[in-house]
Amino acid sequence: MPPSAEPRTPAPSGGVQSLERAFDLLERMADAGGEVGLSELATSSGLPLPTIHRLMRTLVACGYVRQQPNRRYALGPRLIRLGESASRLLGTWARPHLARLVEETGETANMALLDGDEVVYVAQVPSRHSVRMFTEVGRRVLPHTTGVGKALLAQSPDEEVRSILARTGMPAATEKTITTPEGFLEALGRVRENGFAVDDNEQEIGVRCLAVPVPDSPTAAAISISGPAGRVTDAATERIVPLLKEVAAALSTDLAGASAGLA
């Protein structure tokens, strides 16, 4: 089903309306899974069909959208380069904040985004301990196995989470991995209540991860620290979680400032 029509954050005054509408349509396509029909876009955006058709024709000509054989529209390959560049830049902005986490916790710090149904790591600063966790930037994992995945999906409605889990399945990475939708939704409830997520040996035995979402991020993002379970204890969690939230808020402020500077 197409997403229901809902207002988006208005663009600054003086903006070009056709550009605002085109980007709004691209975001609605992404929200719908990347492929939609004109009638679905009309329902979700409230724009007249002739206006949508004209905008889509322009986006197709530029390579940002392509028309499928079934006449539906899909996000185009030219967006990939933009997305990859934006992810690298986001990682650059995040790195000083991750470095602070490493300095104050001693553990490896990560930043991850929700990309479709997967979690992708876009930045990391490694711990200086000889025994440390390492996740390659660009690595993709299923969200049900990770702390960052829980932190990201805790911001989504349960129905949307169930849809993602149905598409990805819930394979076990370890014997501690949550493998049922009901169990995972219970875990998300604890994330919402506590304000942070825990991966307790669920992605890799012997490893614990603590994660929080980045508030008001332009795209769903989370930061985390990960380390050996013997160091990331319950006592350490009480000390680390407030710092994670503080750093996430500072990163959010930086991202908002960067966006304002481009306006």
C-alpha atoms as a PDB file:
ATOM      1  CA  MET A   1       0.000   0.000   0.000  1.00  0.00           C
ATOM      2  CA  PRO A   2       1.279   3.511  -0.732  1.00  0.00           C
ATOM      3  CA  PRO A   3       2.053   5.712   2.254  1.00  0.00           C
ATOM      4  CA  SER A   4      -0.763   8.041   3.185  1.00  0.00           C
ATOM      5  CA  ALA A   5      -0.481  11.694   2.257  1.00  0.00           C
ATOM      6  CA  GLU A   6       1.339  13.613   4.935  1.00  0.00           C
ATOM      7  CA  PRO A   7       3.011  16.997   4.981  1.00  0.00           C
ATOM      8  CA  ARG A   8       6.782  17.190   4.731  1.00  0.00           C
ATOM      9  CA  THR A   9       9.000  19.754   6.362  1.00  0.00           C
ATOM     10  CA  PRO A  10       8.485  22.921   4.282  1.00  0.00           C
ATOM     11  CA  ALA A  11      11.457  24.182   2.307  1.00  0.00           C
ATOM     12  CA  PRO A  12      12.903  27.606   3.124  1.00  0.00           C
ATOM     13  CA  SER A  13      11.072  30.516   1.546  1.00  0.00           C
ATOM     14  CA  GLY A  14      12.487  31.505  -1.813  1.00  0.00           C
ATOM     15  CA  GLY A  15      12.998  27.889  -2.874  1.00  0.00           C
ATOM     16  CA  VAL A  16      12.184  26.611  -6.344  1.00  0.00           C
ATOM     17  CA  GLN A  17       8.842  24.827  -6.073  1.00  0.00           C
ATOM     18  CA  SER A  18       9.479  22.319  -8.840  1.00  0.00           C
ATOM     19  CA  LEU A  19      12.742  21.240  -7.172  1.00  0.00           C
ATOM     20  CA  GLU A  20      11.024  20.922  -3.800  1.00  0.00           C
ATOM     21  CA  ARG A  21       8.320  18.763  -5.370  1.00  0.00           C
ATOM     22  CA  ALA A  22      10.799  16.591  -7.275  1.00  0.00           C
ATOM     23  CA  PHE A  23      12.837  15.829  -4.159  1.00  0.00           C
ATOM     24  CA  ASP A  24       9.641  15.173  -2.215  1.00  0.00           C
ATOM     25  CA  LEU A  25       8.607  12.605  -4.833  1.00  0.00           C
ATOM     26  CA  LEU A  26      12.023  10.917  -4.649  1.00  0.00           C
ATOM     27  CA  GLU A  27      11.721  10.653  -0.860  1.00  0.00           C
ATOM     28  CA  ARG A  28       8.218   9.227  -1.159  1.00  0.00           C
ATOM     29  CA  MET A  29       9.487   6.652  -3.652  1.00  0.00           C
ATOM     30  CA  ALA A  30      12.199   5.648  -1.193  1.00  0.00           C
ATOM     31  CA  ASP A  31       9.633   5.384   1.615  1.00  0.00           C
ATOM     32  CA  ALA A  32       7.525   3.112  -0.589  1.00  0.00           C
ATOM     33  CA  GLY A  33      10.398   0.721  -1.242  1.00  0.00           C
ATOM     34  CA  GLY A  34      11.858   2.362  -4.338  1.00  0.00           C
ATOM     35  CA  GLU A  35       9.136   1.575  -6.876  1.00  0.00           C
ATOM     36  CA  VAL A  36       5.706   3.204  -7.223  1.00  0.00           C
ATOM     37  CA  GLY A  37       2.968   4.029  -9.683  1.00  0.00           C
ATOM     38  CA  LEU A  38       1.789   7.528 -10.526  1.00  0.00           C
ATOM     39  CA  SER A  39      -1.517   7.000  -8.729  1.00  0.00           C
ATOM     40  CA  GLU A  40       0.326   6.002  -5.533  1.00  0.00           C
ATOM     41  CA  LEU A  41       2.434   9.157  -5.718  1.00  0.00           C
ATOM     42  CA  ALA A  42      -0.691  11.232  -6.282  1.00  0.00           C
ATOM     43  CA  THR A  43      -2.328   9.692  -3.222  1.00  0.00           C
ATOM     44  CA  SER A  44       0.697  10.146  -0.967  1.00  0.00           C
ATOM     45  CA  SER A  45       1.747  13.610  -2.150  1.00  0.00           C
ATOM     46  CA  GLY A  46      -1.597  15.236  -2.959  1.00  0.00           C
ATOM     47  CA  LEU A  47      -0.185  16.616  -6.213  1.00  0.00           C
ATOM     48  CA  PRO A  48      -2.195  16.468  -9.468  1.00  0.00           C
ATOM     49  CA  LEU A  49      -1.344  13.606 -11.808  1.00  0.00           C
ATOM     50  CA  PRO A  50      -0.234  15.915 -14.681  1.00  0.00           C
ATOM     51  CA  THR A  51       2.238  17.645 -12.341  1.00  0.00           C
ATOM     52  CA  ILE A  52       3.630  14.330 -11.113  1.00  0.00           C
ATOM     53  CA  HIS A  53       3.914  13.006 -14.670  1.00  0.00           C
ATOM     54  CA  ARG A  54       5.834  16.105 -15.779  1.00  0.00           C
ATOM     55  CA  LEU A  55       8.243  15.893 -12.835  1.00  0.00           C
ATOM     56  CA  MET A  56       8.783  12.175 -13.285  1.00  0.00           C
ATOM     57  CA  ARG A  57       9.484  12.632 -16.983  1.00  0.00           C
ATOM     58  CA  THR A  58      12.225  15.120 -16.086  1.00  0.00           C
ATOM     59  CA  LEU A  59      13.694  12.814 -13.434  1.00  0.00           C
ATOM     60  CA  VAL A  60      13.713   9.924 -15.913  1.00  0.00           C
ATOM     61  CA  ALA A  61      15.504  12.070 -18.510  1.00  0.00           C
ATOM     62  CA  CYS A  62      18.165  12.936 -15.902  1.00  0.00           C
ATOM     63  CA  GLY A  63      18.645   9.311 -14.832  1.00  0.00           C
ATOM     64  CA  TYR A  64      17.386   9.731 -11.268  1.00  0.00           C
ATOM     65  CA  VAL A  65      14.262   7.682 -11.969  1.00  0.00           C
ATOM     66  CA  ARG A  66      13.603   4.947 -14.501  1.00  0.00           C
ATOM     67  CA  GLN A  67      10.329   3.648 -15.887  1.00  0.00           C
ATOM     68  CA  GLN A  68       9.833  -0.087 -15.575  1.00  0.00           C
ATOM     69  CA  PRO A  69       8.267  -2.314 -18.274  1.00  0.00           C
ATOM     70  CA  ASN A  70       5.127  -2.461 -16.089  1.00  0.00           C
ATOM     71  CA  ARG A  71       4.908   1.371 -16.371  1.00  0.00           C
ATOM     72  CA  ARG A  72       5.741   1.871 -12.700  1.00  0.00           C
ATOM     73  CA  TYR A  73       8.612   4.148 -11.695  1.00  0.00           C
ATOM     74  CA  ALA A  74      11.752   3.091  -9.793  1.00  0.00           C
ATOM     75  CA  LEU A  75      14.635   5.020  -8.289  1.00  0.00           C
ATOM     76  CA  GLY A  76      17.397   5.291 -10.873  1.00  0.00           C
ATOM     77  CA  PRO A  77      21.059   4.252 -10.778  1.00  0.00           C
ATOM     78  CA  ARG A  78      22.325   7.824 -10.904  1.00  0.00           C
ATOM     79  CA  LEU A  79      21.191   8.230  -7.297  1.00  0.00           C
ATOM     80  CA  ILE A  80      23.718   5.604  -6.188  1.00  0.00           C
ATOM     81  CA  ARG A  81      26.691   7.904  -6.751  1.00  0.00           C
ATOM     82  CA  LEU A  82      24.983  10.703  -4.832  1.00  0.00           C
ATOM     83  CA  GLY A  83      24.128   8.372  -1.973  1.00  0.00           C
ATOM     84  CA  GLU A  84      27.645   6.968  -1.733  1.00  0.00           C
ATOM     85  CA  SER A  85      29.156  10.457  -1.696  1.00  0.00           C
ATOM     86  CA  ALA A  86      26.680  11.644   0.920  1.00  0.00           C
ATOM     87  CA  SER A  87      27.403   8.608   3.105  1.00  0.00           C
ATOM     88  CA  ARG A  88      31.146   9.293   2.960  1.00  0.00           C
ATOM     89  CA  LEU A  89      30.566  12.928   3.894  1.00  0.00           C
ATOM     90  CA  LEU A  90      28.293  11.927   6.755  1.00  0.00           C
ATOM     91  CA  GLY A  91      31.045   9.635   7.995  1.00  0.00           C
ATOM     92  CA  THR A  92      33.538  12.496   7.817  1.00  0.00           C
ATOM     93  CA  TRP A  93      31.306  14.688   9.956  1.00  0.00           C
ATOM     94  CA  ALA A  94      30.777  11.853  12.436  1.00  0.00           C
ATOM     95  CA  ARG A  95      34.429  10.874  12.889  1.00  0.00           C
ATOM     96  CA  PRO A  96      35.415  13.541  15.480  1.00  0.00           C
ATOM     97  CA  HIS A  97      32.416  12.543  17.587  1.00  0.00           C
ATOM     98  CA  LEU A  98      33.314   8.862  17.315  1.00  0.00           C
ATOM     99  CA  ALA A  99      36.892   9.718  18.283  1.00  0.00           C
ATOM    100  CA  ARG A 100      35.553  11.305  21.469  1.00  0.00           C
ATOM    101  CA  LEU A 101      33.683   8.083  22.286  1.00  0.00           C
ATOM    102  CA  VAL A 102      36.878   6.064  21.809  1.00  0.00           C
ATOM    103  CA  GLU A 103      38.857   8.518  23.953  1.00  0.00           C
ATOM    104  CA  GLU A 104      36.357   8.397  26.822  1.00  0.00           C
ATOM    105  CA  THR A 105      35.260   4.739  26.690  1.00  0.00           C
ATOM    106  CA  GLY A 106      38.304   2.992  25.263  1.00  0.00           C
ATOM    107  CA  GLU A 107      36.082   0.972  22.905  1.00  0.00           C
ATOM    108  CA  THR A 108      35.541   0.992  19.152  1.00  0.00           C
ATOM    109  CA  ALA A 109      32.906   3.519  17.991  1.00  0.00           C
ATOM    110  CA  ASN A 110      30.688   3.174  14.925  1.00  0.00           C
ATOM    111  CA  MET A 111      28.072   5.053  12.961  1.00  0.00           C
ATOM    112  CA  ALA A 112      25.474   3.195  10.912  1.00  0.00           C
ATOM    113  CA  LEU A 113      22.524   4.030   8.684  1.00  0.00           C
ATOM    114  CA  LEU A 114      19.401   2.140   7.706  1.00  0.00           C
ATOM    115  CA  ASP A 115      19.622   1.563   3.955  1.00  0.00           C
ATOM    116  CA  GLY A 116      16.518  -0.196   2.723  1.00  0.00           C
ATOM    117  CA  ASP A 117      16.149  -3.321   4.858  1.00  0.00           C
ATOM    118  CA  GLU A 118      19.806  -3.438   5.905  1.00  0.00           C
ATOM    119  CA  VAL A 119      22.141  -1.630   8.270  1.00  0.00           C
ATOM    120  CA  VAL A 120      25.271  -0.187   6.649  1.00  0.00           C
ATOM    121  CA  TYR A 121      28.275   1.025   8.635  1.00  0.00           C
ATOM    122  CA  VAL A 122      29.457   4.411   7.330  1.00  0.00           C
ATOM    123  CA  ALA A 123      32.143   5.396   9.857  1.00  0.00           C
ATOM    124  CA  GLN A 124      34.324   3.854  12.528  1.00  0.00           C
ATOM    125  CA  VAL A 125      37.097   4.858  14.910  1.00  0.00           C
ATOM    126  CA  PRO A 126      38.831   1.772  16.361  1.00  0.00           C
ATOM    127  CA  SER A 127      39.784   1.178  19.956  1.00  0.00           C
ATOM    128  CA  ARG A 128      43.431   1.367  20.897  1.00  0.00           C
ATOM    129  CA  HIS A 129      43.180  -1.865  22.900  1.00  0.00           C
ATOM    130  CA  SER A 130      45.031  -4.842  21.451  1.00  0.00           C
ATOM    131  CA  VAL A 131      41.782  -6.832  21.818  1.00  0.00           C
ATOM    132  CA  ARG A 132      39.199  -4.760  19.999  1.00  0.00           C
ATOM    133  CA  MET A 133      36.220  -4.988  17.690  1.00  0.00           C
ATOM    134  CA  PHE A 134      36.532  -4.141  14.012  1.00  0.00           C
ATOM    135  CA  THR A 135      33.711  -3.678  11.511  1.00  0.00           C
ATOM    136  CA  GLU A 136      34.607  -2.707   7.973  1.00  0.00           C
ATOM    137  CA  VAL A 137      33.086   0.585   6.817  1.00  0.00           C
ATOM    138  CA  GLY A 138      30.570  -0.277   4.116  1.00  0.00           C
ATOM    139  CA  ARG A 139      29.667  -3.598   5.709  1.00  0.00           C
ATOM    140  CA  ARG A 140      25.971  -4.478   5.567  1.00  0.00           C
ATOM    141  CA  VAL A 141      24.180  -6.537   8.190  1.00  0.00           C
ATOM    142  CA  LEU A 142      20.604  -7.439   8.998  1.00  0.00           C
ATOM    143  CA  PRO A 143      19.148  -5.120  11.648  1.00  0.00           C
ATOM    144  CA  HIS A 144      17.829  -7.828  13.986  1.00  0.00           C
ATOM    145  CA  THR A 145      21.378  -8.947  14.860  1.00  0.00           C
ATOM    146  CA  THR A 146      22.857  -5.603  15.926  1.00  0.00           C
ATOM    147  CA  GLY A 147      22.545  -2.867  18.521  1.00  0.00           C
ATOM    148  CA  VAL A 148      22.531  -0.168  15.848  1.00  0.00           C
ATOM    149  CA  GLY A 149      19.783  -2.072  14.025  1.00  0.00           C
ATOM    150  CA  LYS A 150      17.640  -2.060  17.152  1.00  0.00           C
ATOM    151  CA  ALA A 151      18.338   1.632  17.762  1.00  0.00           C
ATOM    152  CA  LEU A 152      17.313   2.431  14.183  1.00  0.00           C
ATOM    153  CA  LEU A 153      14.182   0.265  14.012  1.00  0.00           C
ATOM    154  CA  ALA A 154      12.956   1.355  17.435  1.00  0.00           C
ATOM    155  CA  GLN A 155      12.010   4.614  15.695  1.00  0.00           C
ATOM    156  CA  SER A 156       9.712   2.787  13.244  1.00  0.00           C
ATOM    157  CA  PRO A 157       6.125   1.553  13.730  1.00  0.00           C
ATOM    158  CA  ASP A 158       5.781  -2.135  14.607  1.00  0.00           C
ATOM    159  CA  GLU A 159       3.993  -2.898  11.326  1.00  0.00           C
ATOM    160  CA  GLU A 160       6.922  -1.503   9.343  1.00  0.00           C
ATOM    161  CA  VAL A 161       9.371  -3.511  11.449  1.00  0.00           C
ATOM    162  CA  ARG A 162       7.374  -6.698  10.833  1.00  0.00           C
ATOM    163  CA  SER A 163       7.465  -6.026   7.088  1.00  0.00           C
ATOM    164  CA  ILE A 164      11.258  -5.626   7.148  1.00  0.00           C
ATOM    165  CA  LEU A 165      11.703  -8.821   9.158  1.00  0.00           C
ATOM    166  CA  ALA A 166       9.410 -10.704   6.781  1.00  0.00           C
ATOM    167  CA  ARG A 167      11.508  -9.615   3.816  1.00  0.00           C
ATOM    168  CA  THR A 168      14.920 -10.310   5.367  1.00  0.00           C
ATOM    169  CA  GLY A 169      14.113 -13.329   7.465  1.00  0.00           C
ATOM    170  CA  MET A 170      15.746 -13.608  10.881  1.00  0.00           C
ATOM    171  CA  PRO A 171      18.728 -15.942  10.499  1.00  0.00           C
ATOM    172  CA  ALA A 172      20.754 -16.564  13.634  1.00  0.00           C
ATOM    173  CA  ALA A 173      24.283 -15.167  13.680  1.00  0.00           C
ATOM    174  CA  THR A 174      24.859 -16.778  17.109  1.00  0.00           C
ATOM    175  CA  GLU A 175      22.781 -18.784  19.562  1.00  0.00           C
ATOM    176  CA  LYS A 176      21.926 -15.472  21.270  1.00  0.00           C
ATOM    177  CA  THR A 177      20.424 -13.842  18.147  1.00  0.00           C
ATOM    178  CA  ILE A 178      16.741 -12.959  18.400  1.00  0.00           C
ATOM    179  CA  THR A 179      14.993 -14.994  15.690  1.00  0.00           C
ATOM    180  CA  THR A 180      11.278 -14.254  16.134  1.00  0.00           C
ATOM    181  CA  PRO A 181       9.379 -11.045  15.287  1.00  0.00           C
ATOM    182  CA  GLU A 182       7.669 -11.109  18.687  1.00  0.00           C
ATOM    183  CA  GLY A 183      10.989 -11.365  20.514  1.00  0.00           C
ATOM    184  CA  PHE A 184      12.488  -8.584  18.435  1.00  0.00           C
ATOM    185  CA  LEU A 185       9.505  -6.278  18.974  1.00  0.00           C
ATOM    186  CA  GLU A 186       9.812  -6.894  22.721  1.00  0.00           C
ATOM    187  CA  ALA A 187      13.467  -5.873  22.469  1.00  0.00           C
ATOM    188  CA  LEU A 188      12.485  -2.698  20.593  1.00  0.00           C
ATOM    189  CA  GLY A 189      10.035  -1.904  23.376  1.00  0.00           C
ATOM    190  CA  ARG A 190      12.916  -2.009  25.849  1.00  0.00           C
ATOM    191  CA  VAL A 191      14.959   0.255  23.559  1.00  0.00           C
ATOM    192  CA  ARG A 192      12.158   2.822  23.496  1.00  0.00           C
ATOM    193  CA  GLU A 193      11.753   2.604  27.275  1.00  0.00           C
ATOM    194  CA  ASN A 194      15.459   2.759  28.126  1.00  0.00           C
ATOM    195  CA  GLY A 195      16.647   5.067  25.337  1.00  0.00           C
ATOM    196  CA  PHE A 196      19.439   2.759  24.166  1.00  0.00           C
ATOM    197  CA  ALA A 197      19.920  -0.623  22.507  1.00  0.00           C
ATOM    198  CA  VAL A 198      22.103  -3.570  23.453  1.00  0.00           C
ATOM    199  CA  ASP A 199      23.577  -6.305  21.281  1.00  0.00           C
ATOM    200  CA  ASP A 200      24.542  -8.928  23.851  1.00  0.00           C
ATOM    201  CA  ASN A 201      26.529 -11.590  21.950  1.00  0.00           C
ATOM    202  CA  GLU A 202      23.852 -11.543  19.223  1.00  0.00           C
ATOM    203  CA  GLN A 203      26.097 -10.660  16.260  1.00  0.00           C
ATOM    204  CA  GLU A 204      29.306 -12.243  17.566  1.00  0.00           C
ATOM    205  CA  ILE A 205      29.917 -14.326  20.681  1.00  0.00           C
ATOM    206  CA  GLY A 206      32.009 -12.458  23.233  1.00  0.00           C
ATOM    207  CA  VAL A 207      31.032  -9.017  21.921  1.00  0.00           C
ATOM    208  CA  ARG A 208      28.626  -6.497  23.433  1.00  0.00           C
ATOM    209  CA  CYS A 209      27.448  -3.331  21.712  1.00  0.00           C
ATOM    210  CA  LEU A 210      25.591  -0.284  23.055  1.00  0.00           C
ATOM    211  CA  ALA A 211      23.799   1.978  20.572  1.00  0.00           C
ATOM    212  CA  VAL A 212      21.601   5.081  20.443  1.00  0.00           C
ATOM    213  CA  PRO A 213      19.864   6.847  17.553  1.00  0.00           C
ATOM    214  CA  VAL A 214      21.091  10.208  16.316  1.00  0.00           C
ATOM    215  CA  PRO A 215      18.140  12.527  16.991  1.00  0.00           C
ATOM    216  CA  ASP A 216      16.716  14.549  14.081  1.00  0.00           C
ATOM    217  CA  SER A 217      19.233  13.078  11.652  1.00  0.00           C
ATOM    218  CA  PRO A 218      18.410  13.818   7.980  1.00  0.00           C
ATOM    219  CA  THR A 219      18.445  10.052   7.445  1.00  0.00           C
ATOM    220  CA  ALA A 220      17.942   7.393  10.098  1.00  0.00           C
ATOM    221  CA  ALA A 221      21.320   7.023  11.849  1.00  0.00           C
ATOM    222  CA  ALA A 222      22.719   5.495  15.019  1.00  0.00           C
ATOM    223  CA  ILE A 223      26.054   5.491  16.817  1.00  0.00           C
ATOM    224  CA  SER A 224      27.485   2.742  18.989  1.00  0.00           C
ATOM    225  CA  ILE A 225      30.435   1.434  20.924  1.00  0.00           C
ATOM    226  CA  SER A 226      31.407  -2.223  20.813  1.00  0.00           C
ATOM    227  CA  GLY A 227      33.919  -4.259  22.746  1.00  0.00           C
ATOM    228  CA  PRO A 228      34.562  -7.525  24.546  1.00  0.00           C
ATOM    229  CA  ALA A 229      31.750  -8.535  26.875  1.00  0.00           C
ATOM    230  CA  GLY A 230      34.254  -8.599  29.724  1.00  0.00           C
ATOM    231  CA  ARG A 231      34.816  -4.839  29.325  1.00  0.00           C
ATOM    232  CA  VAL A 232      31.337  -3.690  28.202  1.00  0.00           C
ATOM    233  CA  THR A 233      29.714  -4.827  31.439  1.00  0.00           C
ATOM    234  CA  ASP A 234      26.490  -3.659  33.079  1.00  0.00           C
ATOM    235  CA  ALA A 235      28.548  -1.278  35.235  1.00  0.00           C
ATOM    236  CA  ALA A 236      30.259   0.121  32.137  1.00  0.00           C
ATOM    237  CA  THR A 237      26.868   0.482  30.454  1.00  0.00           C
ATOM    238  CA  GLU A 238      25.683   2.875  33.175  1.00  0.00           C
ATOM    239  CA  ARG A 239      28.682   5.085  32.469  1.00  0.00           C
ATOM    240  CA  ILE A 240      28.743   4.790  28.663  1.00  0.00           C
ATOM    241  CA  VAL A 241      25.072   5.277  27.743  1.00  0.00           C
ATOM    242  CA  PRO A 242      24.826   8.914  28.965  1.00  0.00           C
ATOM    243  CA  LEU A 243      27.979   9.684  26.976  1.00  0.00           C
ATOM    244  CA  LEU A 244      26.542   8.014  23.865  1.00  0.00           C
ATOM    245  CA  LYS A 245      23.404  10.155  24.136  1.00  0.00           C
ATOM    246  CA  GLU A 246      25.466  13.309  24.664  1.00  0.00           C
ATOM    247  CA  VAL A 247      27.637  12.589  21.626  1.00  0.00           C
ATOM    248  CA  ALA A 248      24.586  11.710  19.499  1.00  0.00           C
ATOM    249  CA  ALA A 249      23.028  15.073  20.383  1.00  0.00           C
ATOM    250  CA  ALA A 250      26.265  16.903  19.519  1.00  0.00           C
ATOM    251  CA  LEU A 251      26.470  15.081  16.179  1.00  0.00           C
ATOM    252  CA  SER A 252      22.842  15.982  15.481  1.00  0.00           C
ATOM    253  CA  THR A 253      23.661  19.649  16.096  1.00  0.00           C
ATOM    254  CA  ASP A 254      26.612  19.458  13.704  1.00  0.00           C
ATOM    255  CA  LEU A 255      24.502  17.830  11.001  1.00  0.00           C
ATOM    256  CA  ALA A 256      21.804  20.480  11.411  1.00  0.00           C
ATOM    257  CA  GLY A 257      24.442  23.210  11.167  1.00  0.00           C
ATOM    258  CA  ALA A 258      25.875  21.663   8.004  1.00  0.00           C
ATOM    259  CA  SER A 259      22.412  21.552   6.448  1.00  0.00           C
ATOM    260  CA  ALA A 260      21.745  25.166   7.382  1.00  0.00           C
ATOM    261  CA  GLY A 261      25.065  26.203   5.902  1.00  0.00           C
ATOM    262  CA  LEU A 262      24.028  24.729   2.553  1.00  0.00           C
ATOM    263  CA  ALA A 263      20.682  26.521   2.552  1.00  0.00           C
END
